[in-house]
Amino acid sequence: MKYFLLSIATTSALMLALPAFSQDAKVGDLDIVHPYARAMLPGAQVGGGYLTINNNGATDDKLISVTSDRARSAQIHTMKITDGIMTMGELKEGLAVPAKAKTELKPGAYHIMFMNVQKPFKQGETVKATLTFEKAGPVEVEFTVGAANATEDKTGMNGQMDNHATHVMPMPSGSTEPMK
């Protein structure tokens, strides 16, 4: 009986915890999976957002904008390395979301940059945002905020967040891979 009650208590606790990590959303043929952000350092004014978009449809789409009440602006960014220098920049035309494919926004690659954040993101909270797609339209999502140095775990938070304090970062000598 003791183990049965412990099992029920454990299951109940897990069920209550699941919504904190299950902020997936759907719009049209698009599934938005594991939207998350990293906690920001005090005084920081920019933060990164990450997620996966599964396009289950037969038609390509495009993520064309992101808005959030927590940031004066939000941009869809890419990172690239040229001559050993990592640079980030806005994808002003949006991000292609090919049909029957998975598009990942993750540290060291495509990501959402929340700009001019007045109240830094804190671990354990959620950040609401609206993603707008060219064909599927707008969808509201909630980014779960994990630790500033979170690594891959069961919440879908993978990789290490780059600081975003600058938009240019030299690569380690001899490295050709993006920093993670």
N, C-alpha and C. Protein backbone atom coordinates (compact mmCIF):
# COMPACT_ATOMS: atom_id res chain seq x y z
N MET A 1 0.83 -1.19 0.00
CA MET A 1 0.00 0.00 0.00
C MET A 1 0.87 1.26 0.00
N LYS A 2 1.95 1.21 0.79
CA LYS A 2 2.86 2.34 0.87
C LYS A 2 3.44 2.67 -0.51
N TYR A 3 3.87 1.64 -1.26
CA TYR A 3 4.45 1.85 -2.58
C TYR A 3 3.40 2.32 -3.58
N PHE A 4 2.18 1.85 -3.44
CA PHE A 4 1.09 2.29 -4.30
C PHE A 4 0.82 3.78 -4.12
N LEU A 5 0.76 4.24 -2.88
CA LEU A 5 0.54 5.67 -2.60
C LEU A 5 1.72 6.50 -3.09
N LEU A 6 2.94 5.99 -2.91
CA LEU A 6 4.12 6.71 -3.40
C LEU A 6 4.07 6.81 -4.93
N SER A 7 3.64 5.73 -5.59
CA SER A 7 3.52 5.73 -7.05
C SER A 7 2.50 6.76 -7.52
N ILE A 8 1.37 6.84 -6.86
CA ILE A 8 0.34 7.81 -7.22
C ILE A 8 0.86 9.24 -7.00
N ALA A 9 1.55 9.47 -5.89
CA ALA A 9 2.09 10.81 -5.60
C ALA A 9 3.13 11.21 -6.64
N THR A 10 3.99 10.28 -7.01
CA THR A 10 5.02 10.58 -8.00
C THR A 10 4.40 10.87 -9.36
N THR A 11 3.44 10.06 -9.78
CA THR A 11 2.75 10.28 -11.06
C THR A 11 2.04 11.62 -11.06
N SER A 12 1.37 11.96 -9.98
CA SER A 12 0.66 13.24 -9.88
C SER A 12 1.63 14.40 -10.00
N ALA A 13 2.78 14.30 -9.32
CA ALA A 13 3.78 15.37 -9.38
C ALA A 13 4.31 15.53 -10.80
N LEU A 14 4.55 14.42 -11.48
CA LEU A 14 5.04 14.50 -12.85
C LEU A 14 3.99 15.11 -13.78
N MET A 15 2.75 14.77 -13.61
CA MET A 15 1.69 15.32 -14.44
C MET A 15 1.57 16.83 -14.24
N LEU A 16 1.75 17.29 -13.02
CA LEU A 16 1.69 18.73 -12.76
C LEU A 16 2.88 19.44 -13.37
N ALA A 17 4.02 18.77 -13.43
CA ALA A 17 5.23 19.40 -13.96
C ALA A 17 5.22 19.45 -15.48
N LEU A 18 4.53 18.55 -16.15
CA LEU A 18 4.55 18.48 -17.61
C LEU A 18 4.16 19.77 -18.31
N PRO A 19 3.10 20.48 -17.89
CA PRO A 19 2.74 21.69 -18.62
C PRO A 19 3.87 22.72 -18.67
N ALA A 20 4.75 22.74 -17.69
CA ALA A 20 5.84 23.71 -17.69
C ALA A 20 6.80 23.46 -18.84
N PHE A 21 6.84 22.22 -19.36
CA PHE A 21 7.76 21.90 -20.43
C PHE A 21 7.05 21.53 -21.72
N SER A 22 5.74 21.61 -21.74
CA SER A 22 4.97 21.20 -22.91
C SER A 22 4.25 22.40 -23.50
N GLN A 23 5.00 23.30 -24.10
CA GLN A 23 4.43 24.51 -24.66
C GLN A 23 4.33 24.41 -26.19
N ASP A 24 4.18 23.20 -26.69
CA ASP A 24 4.07 23.01 -28.14
C ASP A 24 2.81 23.70 -28.66
N ALA A 25 2.83 24.07 -29.93
CA ALA A 25 1.69 24.76 -30.55
C ALA A 25 1.53 24.23 -31.97
N LYS A 26 0.37 24.51 -32.56
CA LYS A 26 0.08 24.06 -33.92
C LYS A 26 -0.67 25.16 -34.65
N VAL A 27 -0.31 25.37 -35.92
CA VAL A 27 -1.04 26.28 -36.80
C VAL A 27 -0.99 25.66 -38.20
N GLY A 28 -2.15 25.40 -38.77
CA GLY A 28 -2.19 24.75 -40.08
C GLY A 28 -1.45 23.43 -40.04
N ASP A 29 -0.53 23.23 -40.99
CA ASP A 29 0.26 22.00 -41.06
C ASP A 29 1.54 22.08 -40.25
N LEU A 30 1.73 23.16 -39.50
CA LEU A 30 2.98 23.38 -38.77
C LEU A 30 2.82 23.02 -37.29
N ASP A 31 3.76 22.24 -36.79
CA ASP A 31 3.85 21.94 -35.36
C ASP A 31 5.07 22.68 -34.83
N ILE A 32 4.87 23.50 -33.80
CA ILE A 32 5.96 24.23 -33.15
C ILE A 32 6.27 23.45 -31.88
N VAL A 33 7.50 22.93 -31.80
CA VAL A 33 7.87 22.00 -30.75
C VAL A 33 8.97 22.60 -29.86
N HIS A 34 8.81 22.43 -28.56
CA HIS A 34 9.79 22.82 -27.54
C HIS A 34 10.30 24.25 -27.64
N PRO A 35 9.43 25.25 -27.67
CA PRO A 35 9.96 26.62 -27.65
C PRO A 35 10.58 26.90 -26.28
N TYR A 36 11.82 27.34 -26.29
CA TYR A 36 12.49 27.64 -25.03
C TYR A 36 13.43 28.83 -25.20
N ALA A 37 13.72 29.45 -24.09
CA ALA A 37 14.70 30.55 -24.03
C ALA A 37 15.60 30.28 -22.84
N ARG A 38 16.68 30.99 -22.76
CA ARG A 38 17.60 30.86 -21.63
C ARG A 38 17.42 32.04 -20.70
N ALA A 39 17.62 31.79 -19.43
CA ALA A 39 17.60 32.89 -18.46
C ALA A 39 18.68 33.90 -18.86
N MET A 40 18.36 35.17 -18.66
CA MET A 40 19.29 36.25 -19.03
C MET A 40 20.00 36.75 -17.78
N LEU A 41 21.20 37.23 -17.96
CA LEU A 41 21.94 37.83 -16.86
C LEU A 41 21.31 39.17 -16.50
N PRO A 42 21.37 39.57 -15.23
CA PRO A 42 20.82 40.87 -14.85
C PRO A 42 21.41 41.99 -15.71
N GLY A 43 20.58 42.88 -16.19
CA GLY A 43 21.03 43.99 -17.01
C GLY A 43 21.12 43.69 -18.50
N ALA A 44 21.05 42.42 -18.87
CA ALA A 44 21.11 42.06 -20.29
C ALA A 44 19.84 42.56 -20.98
N GLN A 45 19.97 42.98 -22.22
CA GLN A 45 18.81 43.50 -22.96
C GLN A 45 18.46 42.68 -24.18
N VAL A 46 19.20 41.59 -24.42
CA VAL A 46 18.89 40.70 -25.54
C VAL A 46 18.86 39.27 -25.04
N GLY A 47 17.98 38.48 -25.64
CA GLY A 47 17.88 37.07 -25.28
C GLY A 47 17.56 36.25 -26.50
N GLY A 48 17.91 34.98 -26.43
CA GLY A 48 17.67 34.09 -27.56
C GLY A 48 16.50 33.15 -27.32
N GLY A 49 15.79 32.83 -28.40
CA GLY A 49 14.69 31.89 -28.36
C GLY A 49 14.93 30.78 -29.37
N TYR A 50 14.52 29.58 -29.01
CA TYR A 50 14.81 28.40 -29.83
C TYR A 50 13.57 27.52 -29.90
N LEU A 51 13.41 26.79 -30.99
CA LEU A 51 12.28 25.89 -31.17
C LEU A 51 12.50 25.08 -32.43
N THR A 52 11.62 24.12 -32.64
CA THR A 52 11.63 23.33 -33.86
C THR A 52 10.28 23.48 -34.54
N ILE A 53 10.29 23.64 -35.86
CA ILE A 53 9.06 23.73 -36.64
C ILE A 53 9.00 22.51 -37.55
N ASN A 54 7.99 21.68 -37.36
CA ASN A 54 7.76 20.53 -38.22
C ASN A 54 6.66 20.91 -39.21
N ASN A 55 7.02 20.95 -40.49
CA ASN A 55 6.03 21.23 -41.53
C ASN A 55 5.55 19.90 -42.09
N ASN A 56 4.33 19.51 -41.68
CA ASN A 56 3.76 18.23 -42.10
C ASN A 56 2.98 18.34 -43.41
N GLY A 57 2.90 19.54 -43.98
CA GLY A 57 2.12 19.77 -45.18
C GLY A 57 2.91 19.55 -46.46
N ALA A 58 2.23 19.72 -47.58
CA ALA A 58 2.83 19.54 -48.90
C ALA A 58 3.31 20.87 -49.48
N THR A 59 3.14 21.97 -48.70
CA THR A 59 3.48 23.30 -49.19
C THR A 59 4.54 23.95 -48.31
N ASP A 60 5.54 24.57 -48.94
CA ASP A 60 6.53 25.34 -48.19
C ASP A 60 5.86 26.51 -47.51
N ASP A 61 6.42 26.97 -46.40
CA ASP A 61 5.94 28.16 -45.71
C ASP A 61 7.17 28.97 -45.31
N LYS A 62 6.94 30.06 -44.62
CA LYS A 62 8.05 30.91 -44.20
C LYS A 62 7.66 31.60 -42.89
N LEU A 63 8.59 31.57 -41.91
CA LEU A 63 8.42 32.34 -40.68
C LEU A 63 8.84 33.76 -41.02
N ILE A 64 7.87 34.70 -40.96
CA ILE A 64 8.17 36.06 -41.42
C ILE A 64 8.34 37.08 -40.30
N SER A 65 7.80 36.79 -39.10
CA SER A 65 8.00 37.75 -38.01
C SER A 65 7.72 37.10 -36.67
N VAL A 66 8.25 37.76 -35.63
CA VAL A 66 8.04 37.35 -34.24
C VAL A 66 7.80 38.62 -33.44
N THR A 67 6.81 38.58 -32.56
CA THR A 67 6.58 39.70 -31.64
C THR A 67 6.40 39.15 -30.24
N SER A 68 6.72 39.98 -29.25
CA SER A 68 6.55 39.60 -27.85
C SER A 68 6.41 40.87 -27.02
N ASP A 69 5.51 40.83 -26.05
CA ASP A 69 5.37 41.96 -25.13
C ASP A 69 6.60 42.14 -24.26
N ARG A 70 7.44 41.13 -24.16
CA ARG A 70 8.62 41.19 -23.31
C ARG A 70 9.81 41.86 -23.99
N ALA A 71 9.70 42.15 -25.28
CA ALA A 71 10.80 42.77 -26.02
C ALA A 71 10.25 43.85 -26.94
N ARG A 72 11.00 44.95 -27.07
CA ARG A 72 10.55 46.00 -28.00
C ARG A 72 10.52 45.50 -29.43
N SER A 73 11.42 44.56 -29.74
CA SER A 73 11.39 43.92 -31.05
C SER A 73 11.95 42.51 -30.93
N ALA A 74 11.64 41.70 -31.90
CA ALA A 74 12.18 40.35 -31.98
C ALA A 74 12.52 40.09 -33.43
N GLN A 75 13.66 39.48 -33.65
CA GLN A 75 14.13 39.24 -35.01
C GLN A 75 14.45 37.77 -35.20
N ILE A 76 14.31 37.32 -36.43
CA ILE A 76 14.72 35.98 -36.82
C ILE A 76 16.17 36.13 -37.27
N HIS A 77 17.08 35.41 -36.62
CA HIS A 77 18.51 35.57 -36.88
C HIS A 77 19.12 34.29 -37.44
N THR A 78 20.24 34.48 -38.09
CA THR A 78 21.10 33.39 -38.52
C THR A 78 22.51 33.67 -38.03
N MET A 79 23.31 32.64 -37.99
CA MET A 79 24.73 32.79 -37.67
C MET A 79 25.53 32.18 -38.80
N LYS A 80 26.67 32.78 -39.09
CA LYS A 80 27.57 32.19 -40.07
C LYS A 80 29.00 32.53 -39.69
N ILE A 81 29.93 31.75 -40.24
CA ILE A 81 31.34 31.95 -39.95
C ILE A 81 32.04 32.29 -41.25
N THR A 82 32.73 33.42 -41.24
CA THR A 82 33.50 33.87 -42.40
C THR A 82 34.90 34.20 -41.92
N ASP A 83 35.90 33.56 -42.48
CA ASP A 83 37.29 33.78 -42.10
C ASP A 83 37.49 33.68 -40.60
N GLY A 84 36.87 32.67 -39.98
CA GLY A 84 37.05 32.43 -38.55
C GLY A 84 36.29 33.37 -37.64
N ILE A 85 35.45 34.23 -38.21
CA ILE A 85 34.66 35.18 -37.42
C ILE A 85 33.20 34.78 -37.49
N MET A 86 32.57 34.61 -36.31
CA MET A 86 31.16 34.29 -36.27
C MET A 86 30.37 35.59 -36.30
N THR A 87 29.42 35.67 -37.21
CA THR A 87 28.56 36.85 -37.27
C THR A 87 27.10 36.41 -37.20
N MET A 88 26.29 37.28 -36.62
CA MET A 88 24.85 37.04 -36.56
C MET A 88 24.16 38.18 -37.27
N GLY A 89 23.03 37.89 -37.87
CA GLY A 89 22.28 38.94 -38.52
C GLY A 89 20.83 38.55 -38.73
N GLU A 90 20.02 39.55 -38.91
CA GLU A 90 18.60 39.36 -39.11
C GLU A 90 18.31 38.78 -40.49
N LEU A 91 17.37 37.85 -40.55
CA LEU A 91 16.86 37.34 -41.82
C LEU A 91 15.66 38.20 -42.17
N LYS A 92 15.89 39.31 -42.85
CA LYS A 92 14.83 40.28 -43.12
C LYS A 92 13.72 39.72 -44.00
N GLU A 93 14.03 38.73 -44.81
CA GLU A 93 13.03 38.12 -45.69
C GLU A 93 12.33 36.95 -45.02
N GLY A 94 12.72 36.61 -43.78
CA GLY A 94 12.11 35.50 -43.07
C GLY A 94 12.91 34.22 -43.23
N LEU A 95 12.41 33.17 -42.59
CA LEU A 95 13.08 31.87 -42.59
C LEU A 95 12.21 30.84 -43.30
N ALA A 96 12.77 30.22 -44.33
CA ALA A 96 12.04 29.20 -45.09
C ALA A 96 11.73 28.01 -44.19
N VAL A 97 10.51 27.49 -44.35
CA VAL A 97 10.06 26.30 -43.63
C VAL A 97 9.58 25.32 -44.70
N PRO A 98 10.50 24.49 -45.20
CA PRO A 98 10.16 23.59 -46.32
C PRO A 98 9.09 22.56 -45.95
N ALA A 99 8.32 22.15 -46.96
CA ALA A 99 7.30 21.12 -46.79
C ALA A 99 7.94 19.80 -46.40
N LYS A 100 7.21 19.04 -45.58
CA LYS A 100 7.64 17.69 -45.18
C LYS A 100 9.04 17.70 -44.57
N ALA A 101 9.37 18.75 -43.82
CA ALA A 101 10.71 18.87 -43.24
C ALA A 101 10.65 19.48 -41.85
N LYS A 102 11.77 19.37 -41.15
CA LYS A 102 11.93 19.94 -39.82
C LYS A 102 12.90 21.11 -39.92
N THR A 103 12.51 22.25 -39.37
CA THR A 103 13.38 23.44 -39.34
C THR A 103 13.69 23.72 -37.88
N GLU A 104 14.98 23.71 -37.54
CA GLU A 104 15.39 23.90 -36.16
C GLU A 104 15.98 25.29 -35.95
N LEU A 105 15.51 25.94 -34.90
CA LEU A 105 16.11 27.18 -34.42
C LEU A 105 16.80 26.80 -33.13
N LYS A 106 18.14 26.87 -33.12
CA LYS A 106 18.91 26.38 -31.99
C LYS A 106 20.18 27.20 -31.83
N PRO A 107 20.81 27.11 -30.66
CA PRO A 107 22.05 27.84 -30.46
C PRO A 107 23.08 27.49 -31.54
N GLY A 108 23.77 28.49 -32.03
CA GLY A 108 24.79 28.29 -33.05
C GLY A 108 24.24 28.22 -34.46
N ALA A 109 22.96 28.51 -34.63
CA ALA A 109 22.32 28.42 -35.95
C ALA A 109 21.19 29.45 -36.01
N TYR A 110 20.12 29.12 -36.71
CA TYR A 110 18.95 30.01 -36.71
C TYR A 110 18.42 30.14 -35.29
N HIS A 111 17.93 31.31 -34.93
CA HIS A 111 17.36 31.55 -33.61
C HIS A 111 16.53 32.82 -33.64
N ILE A 112 15.76 33.02 -32.58
CA ILE A 112 15.00 34.27 -32.43
C ILE A 112 15.76 35.15 -31.45
N MET A 113 15.96 36.39 -31.82
CA MET A 113 16.67 37.33 -30.97
C MET A 113 15.64 38.32 -30.41
N PHE A 114 15.42 38.24 -29.11
CA PHE A 114 14.55 39.20 -28.43
C PHE A 114 15.40 40.41 -28.11
N MET A 115 15.03 41.57 -28.64
CA MET A 115 15.84 42.79 -28.53
C MET A 115 15.19 43.79 -27.57
N ASN A 116 16.05 44.55 -26.86
CA ASN A 116 15.58 45.58 -25.93
C ASN A 116 14.58 45.02 -24.93
N VAL A 117 15.00 43.94 -24.27
CA VAL A 117 14.19 43.32 -23.23
C VAL A 117 14.32 44.17 -21.97
N GLN A 118 13.21 44.63 -21.45
CA GLN A 118 13.23 45.50 -20.27
C GLN A 118 13.36 44.72 -18.97
N LYS A 119 12.79 43.53 -18.91
CA LYS A 119 12.84 42.69 -17.71
C LYS A 119 13.46 41.36 -18.13
N PRO A 120 14.74 41.11 -17.76
CA PRO A 120 15.41 39.89 -18.21
C PRO A 120 14.61 38.62 -17.90
N PHE A 121 14.70 37.66 -18.80
CA PHE A 121 14.01 36.38 -18.65
C PHE A 121 14.61 35.65 -17.45
N LYS A 122 13.75 35.09 -16.60
CA LYS A 122 14.20 34.36 -15.42
C LYS A 122 13.82 32.89 -15.53
N GLN A 123 14.72 32.05 -15.05
CA GLN A 123 14.48 30.61 -15.08
C GLN A 123 13.15 30.27 -14.41
N GLY A 124 12.38 29.42 -15.07
CA GLY A 124 11.12 28.95 -14.52
C GLY A 124 9.90 29.69 -15.04
N GLU A 125 10.10 30.85 -15.65
CA GLU A 125 8.95 31.58 -16.18
C GLU A 125 8.75 31.23 -17.65
N THR A 126 7.68 31.75 -18.22
CA THR A 126 7.45 31.58 -19.65
C THR A 126 7.38 32.96 -20.29
N VAL A 127 7.77 33.03 -21.54
CA VAL A 127 7.75 34.26 -22.31
C VAL A 127 6.80 34.03 -23.49
N LYS A 128 5.74 34.81 -23.54
CA LYS A 128 4.77 34.68 -24.62
C LYS A 128 5.25 35.43 -25.85
N ALA A 129 5.00 34.84 -27.01
CA ALA A 129 5.36 35.47 -28.27
C ALA A 129 4.39 35.01 -29.35
N THR A 130 4.32 35.77 -30.42
CA THR A 130 3.51 35.40 -31.57
C THR A 130 4.44 35.21 -32.76
N LEU A 131 4.39 34.02 -33.34
CA LEU A 131 5.13 33.72 -34.56
C LEU A 131 4.15 33.91 -35.71
N THR A 132 4.57 34.60 -36.76
CA THR A 132 3.70 34.78 -37.92
C THR A 132 4.35 34.12 -39.13
N PHE A 133 3.57 33.24 -39.75
CA PHE A 133 4.01 32.52 -40.93
C PHE A 133 3.31 33.09 -42.15
N GLU A 134 4.00 33.09 -43.27
CA GLU A 134 3.48 33.65 -44.52
C GLU A 134 2.16 33.01 -44.92
N LYS A 135 2.04 31.69 -44.84
CA LYS A 135 0.83 31.00 -45.28
C LYS A 135 -0.05 30.55 -44.11
N ALA A 136 0.54 29.99 -43.08
CA ALA A 136 -0.24 29.45 -41.97
C ALA A 136 -0.78 30.54 -41.06
N GLY A 137 -0.17 31.73 -41.09
CA GLY A 137 -0.63 32.83 -40.26
C GLY A 137 0.00 32.86 -38.89
N PRO A 138 -0.61 33.60 -37.95
CA PRO A 138 -0.02 33.77 -36.63
C PRO A 138 -0.36 32.61 -35.68
N VAL A 139 0.55 32.36 -34.75
CA VAL A 139 0.33 31.38 -33.69
C VAL A 139 1.03 31.88 -32.43
N GLU A 140 0.32 31.79 -31.31
CA GLU A 140 0.90 32.19 -30.04
C GLU A 140 1.64 31.01 -29.44
N VAL A 141 2.84 31.29 -28.93
CA VAL A 141 3.65 30.26 -28.28
C VAL A 141 4.15 30.80 -26.95
N GLU A 142 4.54 29.89 -26.08
CA GLU A 142 5.15 30.26 -24.81
C GLU A 142 6.52 29.60 -24.75
N PHE A 143 7.55 30.42 -24.60
CA PHE A 143 8.92 29.93 -24.47
C PHE A 143 9.16 29.64 -22.99
N THR A 144 9.50 28.41 -22.66
CA THR A 144 9.86 28.06 -21.30
C THR A 144 11.29 28.53 -21.07
N VAL A 145 11.53 29.25 -19.98
CA VAL A 145 12.86 29.78 -19.70
C VAL A 145 13.61 28.81 -18.79
N GLY A 146 14.73 28.31 -19.30
CA GLY A 146 15.60 27.40 -18.55
C GLY A 146 16.78 28.17 -17.98
N ALA A 147 17.70 27.46 -17.39
CA ALA A 147 18.90 28.06 -16.82
C ALA A 147 19.73 28.73 -17.92
N ALA A 148 20.50 29.72 -17.54
CA ALA A 148 21.33 30.44 -18.51
C ALA A 148 22.36 29.52 -19.14
N ASN A 149 22.78 28.50 -18.43
CA ASN A 149 23.81 27.59 -18.96
C ASN A 149 23.25 26.19 -19.19
N ALA A 150 21.94 26.08 -19.42
CA ALA A 150 21.32 24.76 -19.59
C ALA A 150 21.95 24.02 -20.76
N THR A 151 22.09 22.71 -20.59
CA THR A 151 22.56 21.85 -21.68
C THR A 151 21.43 20.91 -22.03
N GLU A 152 21.64 20.07 -23.02
CA GLU A 152 20.57 19.19 -23.51
C GLU A 152 19.97 18.39 -22.37
N ASP A 153 18.66 18.36 -22.31
CA ASP A 153 17.96 17.57 -21.31
C ASP A 153 16.58 17.21 -21.82
N LYS A 154 15.76 16.62 -21.00
CA LYS A 154 14.45 16.12 -21.42
C LYS A 154 13.45 17.22 -21.73
N THR A 155 13.75 18.47 -21.43
CA THR A 155 12.82 19.55 -21.71
C THR A 155 12.91 20.02 -23.15
N GLY A 156 13.88 19.49 -23.91
CA GLY A 156 14.06 19.93 -25.29
C GLY A 156 15.06 21.07 -25.39
N MET A 157 15.63 21.48 -24.26
CA MET A 157 16.61 22.58 -24.27
C MET A 157 17.96 21.98 -24.60
N ASN A 158 18.47 22.25 -25.79
CA ASN A 158 19.73 21.64 -26.18
C ASN A 158 20.76 22.68 -26.57
N GLY A 159 22.01 22.31 -26.47
CA GLY A 159 23.10 23.21 -26.80
C GLY A 159 23.33 24.24 -25.72
N GLN A 160 24.32 25.06 -25.91
CA GLN A 160 24.60 26.13 -24.98
C GLN A 160 24.33 27.45 -25.65
N MET A 161 23.75 28.35 -24.91
CA MET A 161 23.39 29.65 -25.50
C MET A 161 24.63 30.52 -25.65
N ASP A 162 24.78 31.09 -26.81
CA ASP A 162 25.82 32.07 -27.00
C ASP A 162 25.37 33.34 -26.30
N ASN A 163 26.29 34.15 -25.84
CA ASN A 163 26.00 35.28 -24.98
C ASN A 163 25.13 36.34 -25.64
N HIS A 164 25.25 36.54 -26.92
CA HIS A 164 24.51 37.57 -27.66
C HIS A 164 24.85 38.98 -27.20
N ALA A 165 25.88 39.13 -26.37
CA ALA A 165 26.26 40.46 -25.94
C ALA A 165 26.90 41.21 -27.11
N THR A 166 27.53 40.46 -28.00
CA THR A 166 28.08 41.07 -29.20
C THR A 166 27.59 40.26 -30.38
N HIS A 167 27.70 40.80 -31.56
CA HIS A 167 27.29 40.07 -32.75
C HIS A 167 28.46 39.54 -33.55
N VAL A 168 29.67 39.70 -33.04
CA VAL A 168 30.84 39.17 -33.71
C VAL A 168 31.69 38.49 -32.66
N MET A 169 32.10 37.23 -32.92
CA MET A 169 32.88 36.49 -31.96
C MET A 169 33.96 35.72 -32.70
N PRO A 170 35.25 35.94 -32.36
CA PRO A 170 36.29 35.17 -33.04
C PRO A 170 36.19 33.70 -32.69
N MET A 171 36.53 32.84 -33.65
CA MET A 171 36.49 31.40 -33.43
C MET A 171 37.82 30.96 -32.84
N PRO A 172 37.81 29.86 -32.07
CA PRO A 172 39.07 29.32 -31.56
C PRO A 172 40.00 28.99 -32.72
N SER A 173 41.26 29.12 -32.52
CA SER A 173 42.25 28.88 -33.56
C SER A 173 42.09 27.50 -34.19
N GLY A 174 42.01 27.46 -35.50
CA GLY A 174 41.90 26.21 -36.23
C GLY A 174 40.49 25.63 -36.30
N SER A 175 39.52 26.26 -35.66
CA SER A 175 38.18 25.71 -35.63
C SER A 175 37.41 26.10 -36.89
N THR A 176 36.63 25.16 -37.40
CA THR A 176 35.76 25.45 -38.54
C THR A 176 34.31 25.23 -38.19
N GLU A 177 34.03 24.76 -36.99
CA GLU A 177 32.67 24.46 -36.56
C GLU A 177 32.10 25.65 -35.78
N PRO A 178 30.79 25.89 -35.89
CA PRO A 178 30.19 26.94 -35.08
C PRO A 178 30.34 26.64 -33.60
N MET A 179 30.52 27.67 -32.82
CA MET A 179 30.62 27.51 -31.37
C MET A 179 29.27 27.07 -30.84
N LYS A 180 29.27 26.19 -29.87
CA LYS A 180 28.03 25.71 -29.26
C LYS A 180 28.09 25.93 -27.77
